[in-house]
Amino acid sequence: MSETALSAHLAARGAELAPDRGVVLPRRFGDPAEEYRALRDGAALVDLGFRTLVRATGADRAAFLQGMLTADVDLGYVYVPTG
């Protein structure tokens, strides 16, 4: 079971951690209504450290990613290895 870089930080602040798809993630901090109120009236930090990098290859990779993502794809900002 792997942990994200924020797991220990969140646990120290009262997060109840639980396994989810092979990763230990925060499940809750306490009362769900209070959590929602804090999110609605303030801000939230979402631990997405478990996400994976994706490698797209081929001449049509930009067009493919453009169709799959909600952000504009510009290969000028994407690491393209050579050699």
Protein backbone atom coordinates (compact mmCIF):
# COMPACT_ATOMS: atom_id res chain seq x y z
CA MET A 1 0.00 0.00 0.00
CA SER A 2 1.51 3.34 -0.99
CA GLU A 3 1.01 6.74 0.61
CA THR A 4 1.02 10.20 -0.91
CA ALA A 5 3.38 12.95 0.22
CA LEU A 6 0.51 14.51 2.22
CA SER A 7 -0.68 11.36 4.05
CA ALA A 8 1.30 11.95 7.26
CA HIS A 9 0.48 15.68 7.25
CA LEU A 10 -3.25 15.00 6.90
CA ALA A 11 -3.24 12.20 9.50
CA ALA A 12 -1.53 14.54 11.99
CA ARG A 13 -4.43 16.94 11.50
CA GLY A 14 -7.11 14.37 12.21
CA ALA A 15 -7.76 12.73 8.87
CA GLU A 16 -9.12 9.21 8.93
CA LEU A 17 -7.07 7.42 6.29
CA ALA A 18 -8.23 4.36 4.36
CA PRO A 19 -6.94 2.33 1.41
CA ASP A 20 -8.41 3.25 -1.97
CA ARG A 21 -7.17 1.57 -5.17
CA GLY A 22 -3.85 0.65 -3.56
CA VAL A 23 -3.20 4.10 -2.06
CA VAL A 24 -3.81 5.34 1.49
CA LEU A 25 -6.07 8.40 1.11
CA PRO A 26 -8.00 10.60 3.56
CA ARG A 27 -11.58 9.40 3.97
CA ARG A 28 -12.84 12.08 6.35
CA PHE A 29 -11.84 14.55 9.03
CA GLY A 30 -14.95 14.25 11.18
CA ASP A 31 -18.49 15.50 10.77
CA PRO A 32 -19.37 15.55 7.02
CA ALA A 33 -21.65 18.58 7.45
CA GLU A 34 -18.82 20.53 9.09
CA GLU A 35 -16.40 19.47 6.35
CA TYR A 36 -18.85 20.69 3.70
CA ARG A 37 -19.34 23.98 5.56
CA ALA A 38 -15.56 24.50 5.73
CA LEU A 39 -15.28 23.80 2.00
CA ARG A 40 -18.21 26.04 1.10
CA ASP A 41 -17.14 28.96 3.28
CA GLY A 42 -13.38 28.61 2.95
CA ALA A 43 -11.11 26.44 0.90
CA ALA A 44 -10.07 22.81 0.52
CA LEU A 45 -6.86 21.01 -0.24
CA VAL A 46 -7.38 17.83 -2.25
CA ASP A 47 -4.59 15.26 -2.12
CA LEU A 48 -4.10 14.13 -5.72
CA GLY A 49 -0.60 12.80 -5.16
CA PHE A 50 -1.68 9.32 -6.27
CA ARG A 51 -2.31 10.40 -9.86
CA THR A 52 -0.09 8.93 -12.55
CA LEU A 53 1.85 10.41 -15.42
CA VAL A 54 0.70 9.31 -18.86
CA ARG A 55 2.94 8.91 -21.86
CA ALA A 56 1.35 9.63 -25.24
CA THR A 57 3.30 8.82 -28.39
CA GLY A 58 2.65 9.15 -32.08
CA ALA A 59 2.09 11.97 -34.50
CA ASP A 60 -1.54 12.40 -33.44
CA ARG A 61 -0.84 12.55 -29.67
CA ALA A 62 -1.79 16.24 -29.38
CA ALA A 63 -5.10 15.71 -31.18
CA PHE A 64 -5.83 12.63 -29.07
CA LEU A 65 -5.07 14.41 -25.79
CA GLN A 66 -7.04 17.46 -26.89
CA GLY A 67 -10.08 15.22 -27.31
CA MET A 68 -9.59 13.49 -23.95
CA LEU A 69 -8.75 16.45 -21.68
CA THR A 70 -10.62 19.55 -20.58
CA ALA A 71 -7.53 21.74 -20.99
CA ASP A 72 -6.00 22.93 -24.23
CA VAL A 73 -3.03 20.81 -25.26
CA ASP A 74 0.09 22.60 -26.47
CA LEU A 75 3.09 20.32 -27.10
CA GLY A 76 5.33 23.29 -26.42
CA TYR A 77 4.58 22.76 -22.72
CA VAL A 78 4.76 18.97 -22.73
CA TYR A 79 8.02 17.09 -22.18
CA VAL A 80 8.85 15.36 -25.44
CA PRO A 81 11.91 13.08 -25.04
CA THR A 82 14.32 12.72 -27.93
CA GLY A 83 16.59 9.85 -28.86
